[in-house]
């Protein structure tokens, strides 16, 4: 699975105008939202002219520069990491903690970045890519994707609380309902599987904390249909063509 996969390009007309922020995102420079900030800051030029107007369109043959460096559309890369504990999900960390980028630094020459976040102590499925379009589709509140977690708690979870989690719990930032929740072990009621679509920060920990439990261990076993099957903790693999196709098609709602 470490063999580099050349993914089929989506059918693209080279003369079709494309928004500048999308062009920068597709080149792996940054996300579209970040691109808008860079454009307004005046660090992007098109054919030698500084462009600050949002919504500007370019074609693939235009010469686009970011901080005076030519921007080229990269080949797309999709890497699935089985994230271990004690790694932060950022590209760099001012506190010098270990980041997930340390684990995938030899995967490819392209600049890939994590799609969404996992807390430092949460383990499991994390996708990294330079496909800005797909990344925003997978994390945008409008398209929230299914996530499944294996939760280890400090005590047995009552059947009443399990029902409560599916019916809805009110947290500081509004109500949250899990799509499904069940015991993850026949013999150990302190282990629970929970499925939800929410993209809110630390949501699983907050759900259980609000009911008086402490999350001892949290492992994301599925994200948007991707699982960590056959990937050891701390290791990674490239997505298959089929997985990429499914993600592009918006499967795994």
Protein backbone atom coordinates (compact mmCIF):
# COMPACT_ATOMS: atom_id res chain seq x y z
CA UNK A 1 0.00 0.00 0.00
CA UNK A 2 3.07 2.26 0.11
CA UNK A 3 3.38 2.21 -3.65
CA UNK A 4 2.51 5.61 -5.07
CA UNK A 5 -0.81 5.59 -6.92
CA UNK A 6 -1.42 7.83 -9.94
CA UNK A 7 -5.05 8.83 -9.51
CA UNK A 8 -7.11 9.56 -12.58
CA UNK A 9 -7.49 13.29 -13.12
CA UNK A 10 -11.04 14.49 -13.10
CA UNK A 11 -11.96 15.61 -16.62
CA UNK A 12 -10.68 19.16 -16.88
CA UNK A 13 -10.82 21.58 -19.80
CA UNK A 14 -7.49 23.51 -19.77
CA UNK A 15 -9.25 26.67 -21.02
CA UNK A 16 -12.00 26.60 -18.44
CA UNK A 17 -11.72 29.61 -16.09
CA UNK A 18 -11.24 28.63 -12.45
CA UNK A 19 -11.49 30.86 -9.39
CA UNK A 20 -8.09 31.93 -8.14
CA UNK A 21 -8.72 30.66 -4.58
CA UNK A 22 -9.64 27.25 -6.01
CA UNK A 23 -6.52 27.27 -8.20
CA UNK A 24 -4.34 27.91 -5.12
CA UNK A 25 -6.16 25.21 -3.13
CA UNK A 26 -5.78 22.71 -5.99
CA UNK A 27 -2.06 23.49 -6.09
CA UNK A 28 -1.77 22.43 -2.46
CA UNK A 29 -0.81 25.92 -1.27
CA UNK A 30 -3.60 26.29 1.29
CA UNK A 31 -7.34 25.94 1.73
CA UNK A 32 -9.73 28.11 -0.28
CA UNK A 33 -10.59 30.21 2.74
CA UNK A 34 -6.91 30.83 3.49
CA UNK A 35 -6.37 31.63 -0.20
CA UNK A 36 -8.91 34.47 0.04
CA UNK A 37 -6.92 35.97 2.92
CA UNK A 38 -3.66 35.72 0.94
CA UNK A 39 -5.29 37.28 -2.14
CA UNK A 40 -6.57 40.23 -0.09
CA UNK A 41 -3.11 40.60 1.46
CA UNK A 42 -1.67 41.15 -2.03
CA UNK A 43 0.80 38.24 -2.08
CA UNK A 44 -0.69 36.60 -5.20
CA UNK A 45 0.10 37.76 -8.76
CA UNK A 46 -1.42 36.67 -12.06
CA UNK A 47 0.70 37.27 -15.17
CA UNK A 48 2.83 39.73 -13.21
CA UNK A 49 -0.06 41.77 -11.80
CA UNK A 50 -1.02 41.76 -8.10
CA UNK A 51 -4.61 40.55 -7.75
CA UNK A 52 -6.56 41.43 -4.61
CA UNK A 53 -10.11 41.01 -5.84
CA UNK A 54 -11.88 37.92 -4.52
CA UNK A 55 -13.64 35.88 -7.18
CA UNK A 56 -10.97 36.59 -9.83
CA UNK A 57 -10.76 33.78 -12.37
CA UNK A 58 -7.69 32.36 -14.09
CA UNK A 59 -7.02 29.69 -16.69
CA UNK A 60 -4.42 26.96 -16.35
CA UNK A 61 -2.00 28.66 -18.75
CA UNK A 62 -1.87 31.88 -16.65
CA UNK A 63 1.30 32.49 -14.67
CA UNK A 64 0.24 32.53 -11.02
CA UNK A 65 2.75 33.36 -8.30
CA UNK A 66 2.40 33.14 -4.52
CA UNK A 67 4.99 35.17 -2.55
CA UNK A 68 6.90 35.48 -5.87
CA UNK A 69 7.08 31.68 -6.27
CA UNK A 70 5.42 30.08 -9.33
CA UNK A 71 2.35 28.02 -8.45
CA UNK A 72 1.93 24.72 -10.30
CA UNK A 73 -0.98 22.35 -10.06
CA UNK A 74 0.28 19.25 -8.32
CA UNK A 75 -0.72 15.67 -8.79
CA UNK A 76 -3.29 14.75 -6.17
CA UNK A 77 -2.20 12.61 -3.22
CA UNK A 78 -4.42 10.91 -0.63
CA UNK A 79 -2.87 9.36 2.47
CA UNK A 80 -4.70 7.57 5.29
CA UNK A 81 -2.91 7.61 8.64
CA UNK A 82 -3.75 5.53 11.69
CA UNK A 83 -2.94 8.31 14.15
CA UNK A 84 -1.27 7.37 17.43
CA UNK A 85 -1.65 9.21 20.75
CA UNK A 86 0.43 12.29 21.59
CA UNK A 87 0.54 13.73 18.08
CA UNK A 88 -1.18 17.00 17.24
CA UNK A 89 -3.14 17.39 14.00
CA UNK A 90 -1.51 20.50 12.59
CA UNK A 91 1.10 21.13 9.95
CA UNK A 92 3.42 22.73 12.47
CA UNK A 93 3.18 23.31 16.20
CA UNK A 94 4.59 26.42 17.95
CA UNK A 95 4.92 24.37 21.15
CA UNK A 96 7.22 21.93 19.33
CA UNK A 97 5.01 18.91 20.05
CA UNK A 98 5.06 15.97 17.67
CA UNK A 99 2.70 16.51 14.73
CA UNK A 100 1.04 14.03 12.38
CA UNK A 101 3.22 15.48 9.60
CA UNK A 102 6.25 13.80 11.23
CA UNK A 103 4.61 10.43 10.55
CA UNK A 104 3.94 11.01 6.83
CA UNK A 105 6.95 13.13 5.90
CA UNK A 106 8.34 10.49 3.55
CA UNK A 107 5.02 9.70 1.87
CA UNK A 108 5.35 12.14 -1.03
CA UNK A 109 7.10 15.33 -2.17
CA UNK A 110 3.78 17.20 -2.37
CA UNK A 111 2.59 19.31 0.56
CA UNK A 112 -0.30 17.38 2.06
CA UNK A 113 -2.27 18.50 5.09
CA UNK A 114 -4.78 16.92 7.49
CA UNK A 115 -8.48 16.96 6.66
CA UNK A 116 -10.18 18.04 9.88
CA UNK A 117 -8.70 17.57 13.32
CA UNK A 118 -8.24 14.83 15.88
CA UNK A 119 -7.32 15.79 19.45
CA UNK A 120 -3.76 15.05 20.54
CA UNK A 121 -4.94 12.05 22.57
CA UNK A 122 -7.47 10.74 20.04
CA UNK A 123 -6.23 7.95 17.80
CA UNK A 124 -7.41 6.46 14.52
CA UNK A 125 -8.37 7.35 10.96
CA UNK A 126 -6.99 10.62 9.65
CA UNK A 127 -6.93 11.60 5.98
CA UNK A 128 -4.19 13.86 4.58
CA UNK A 129 -4.27 15.27 1.07
CA UNK A 130 -3.37 18.19 -1.18
CA UNK A 131 -6.83 18.10 -2.77
CA UNK A 132 -8.26 21.31 -1.35
CA UNK A 133 -11.62 20.81 -3.03
CA UNK A 134 -12.17 17.40 -1.54
CA UNK A 135 -10.87 18.51 1.87
CA UNK A 136 -13.42 21.30 2.09
CA UNK A 137 -16.20 18.95 0.95
CA UNK A 138 -15.31 16.49 3.70
CA UNK A 139 -15.19 19.08 6.47
CA UNK A 140 -17.79 21.67 5.43
CA UNK A 141 -20.79 21.74 7.80
CA UNK A 142 -23.10 21.40 4.78
CA UNK A 143 -21.62 18.04 3.77
CA UNK A 144 -20.88 16.56 7.19
CA UNK A 145 -19.54 13.04 6.83
CA UNK A 146 -20.17 10.07 9.06
CA UNK A 147 -17.62 9.33 11.77
CA UNK A 148 -17.52 6.26 13.99
CA UNK A 149 -15.61 6.22 17.28
CA UNK A 150 -14.69 3.50 19.75
CA UNK A 151 -14.93 5.13 23.19
CA UNK A 152 -13.33 3.70 26.35
CA UNK A 153 -14.83 5.20 29.53
CA UNK A 154 -13.90 5.25 33.22
CA UNK A 155 -17.05 3.30 34.21
CA UNK A 156 -19.94 1.34 32.71
CA UNK A 157 -22.36 3.37 30.61
CA UNK A 158 -26.00 2.94 31.64
CA UNK A 159 -28.66 1.97 29.12
CA UNK A 160 -30.51 5.15 30.08
CA UNK A 161 -27.54 7.32 29.07
CA UNK A 162 -27.15 5.39 25.80
CA UNK A 163 -30.76 6.27 24.92
CA UNK A 164 -30.19 9.86 25.98
CA UNK A 165 -27.22 10.22 23.58
CA UNK A 166 -29.38 9.17 20.60
CA UNK A 167 -32.38 11.24 21.66
CA UNK A 168 -30.29 14.35 22.13
CA UNK A 169 -28.15 16.11 24.72
CA UNK A 170 -27.88 19.86 25.22
CA UNK A 171 -24.32 21.17 25.38
CA UNK A 172 -23.07 24.78 25.67
CA UNK A 173 -23.19 25.21 21.90
CA UNK A 174 -26.57 23.60 21.24
CA UNK A 175 -28.16 20.19 21.04
CA UNK A 176 -26.33 17.15 19.73
CA UNK A 177 -27.72 13.76 18.75
CA UNK A 178 -25.71 10.71 17.87
CA UNK A 179 -26.92 8.71 14.84
CA UNK A 180 -26.32 5.46 16.70
CA UNK A 181 -24.65 4.24 19.85
CA UNK A 182 -24.08 0.70 21.13
CA UNK A 183 -21.86 -1.27 23.48
CA UNK A 184 -18.62 -2.18 21.71
CA UNK A 185 -18.05 -5.28 23.82
CA UNK A 186 -20.39 -8.00 25.03
CA UNK A 187 -18.66 -8.21 28.39
CA UNK A 188 -17.46 -4.66 29.03
CA UNK A 189 -20.12 -1.95 29.31
CA UNK A 190 -17.51 0.80 29.63
CA UNK A 191 -16.71 0.46 25.91
CA UNK A 192 -19.08 2.12 23.47
CA UNK A 193 -19.27 2.60 19.70
CA UNK A 194 -20.77 5.93 18.63
CA UNK A 195 -21.67 7.11 15.14
CA UNK A 196 -22.27 10.78 14.40
CA UNK A 197 -22.02 13.45 11.71
CA UNK A 198 -21.15 16.46 13.85
CA UNK A 199 -17.94 18.35 13.09
CA UNK A 200 -17.94 20.17 16.43
CA UNK A 201 -14.76 20.38 18.44
CA UNK A 202 -14.11 17.56 20.99
CA UNK A 203 -17.73 16.50 20.52
CA UNK A 204 -17.44 12.87 21.67
CA UNK A 205 -15.56 13.78 24.84
CA UNK A 206 -18.05 16.55 25.61
CA UNK A 207 -21.08 14.27 25.13
CA UNK A 208 -19.81 11.76 27.69
CA UNK A 209 -18.41 14.39 30.08
CA UNK A 210 -21.84 16.07 30.17
CA UNK A 211 -23.25 12.75 31.49
CA UNK A 212 -20.56 12.37 34.14
CA UNK A 213 -18.14 9.99 32.37
CA UNK A 214 -14.47 10.46 31.69
CA UNK A 215 -13.16 9.35 28.31
CA UNK A 216 -10.07 7.24 28.96
CA UNK A 217 -9.34 6.42 25.32
CA UNK A 218 -10.89 7.57 22.05
CA UNK A 219 -10.28 5.91 18.70
CA UNK A 220 -11.81 7.00 15.39
CA UNK A 221 -12.46 3.78 13.48
CA UNK A 222 -14.21 5.30 10.48
CA UNK A 223 -14.29 8.64 8.67
CA UNK A 224 -16.39 9.21 5.53
CA UNK A 225 -16.30 5.48 4.80
CA UNK A 226 -12.53 5.11 5.28
CA UNK A 227 -11.31 2.65 7.90
CA UNK A 228 -7.90 1.84 9.39
CA UNK A 229 -8.16 -1.84 8.60
CA UNK A 230 -4.69 -3.36 8.03
CA UNK A 231 -2.90 -0.11 8.97
CA UNK A 232 -0.85 -0.37 12.16
CA UNK A 233 -1.03 2.48 14.66
CA UNK A 234 1.40 5.19 13.54
CA UNK A 235 1.55 3.84 10.00
CA UNK A 236 -0.09 5.08 6.79
CA UNK A 237 -1.13 3.96 3.31
CA UNK A 238 -2.27 5.60 0.08
CA UNK A 239 -5.99 5.50 -0.63
CA UNK A 240 -7.02 3.21 -3.46
CA UNK A 241 -8.45 4.64 -6.70
CA UNK A 242 -11.83 3.25 -5.73
CA UNK A 243 -11.77 5.00 -2.33
CA UNK A 244 -10.88 8.30 -3.97
CA UNK A 245 -13.65 7.87 -6.52
CA UNK A 246 -16.17 7.18 -3.74
CA UNK A 247 -15.06 10.28 -1.82
CA UNK A 248 -15.29 12.44 -4.96
CA UNK A 249 -18.75 11.11 -5.68
CA UNK A 250 -19.80 12.07 -2.15
CA UNK A 251 -20.60 8.51 -1.10
CA UNK A 252 -20.59 7.53 2.58
CA UNK A 253 -22.97 10.19 3.82
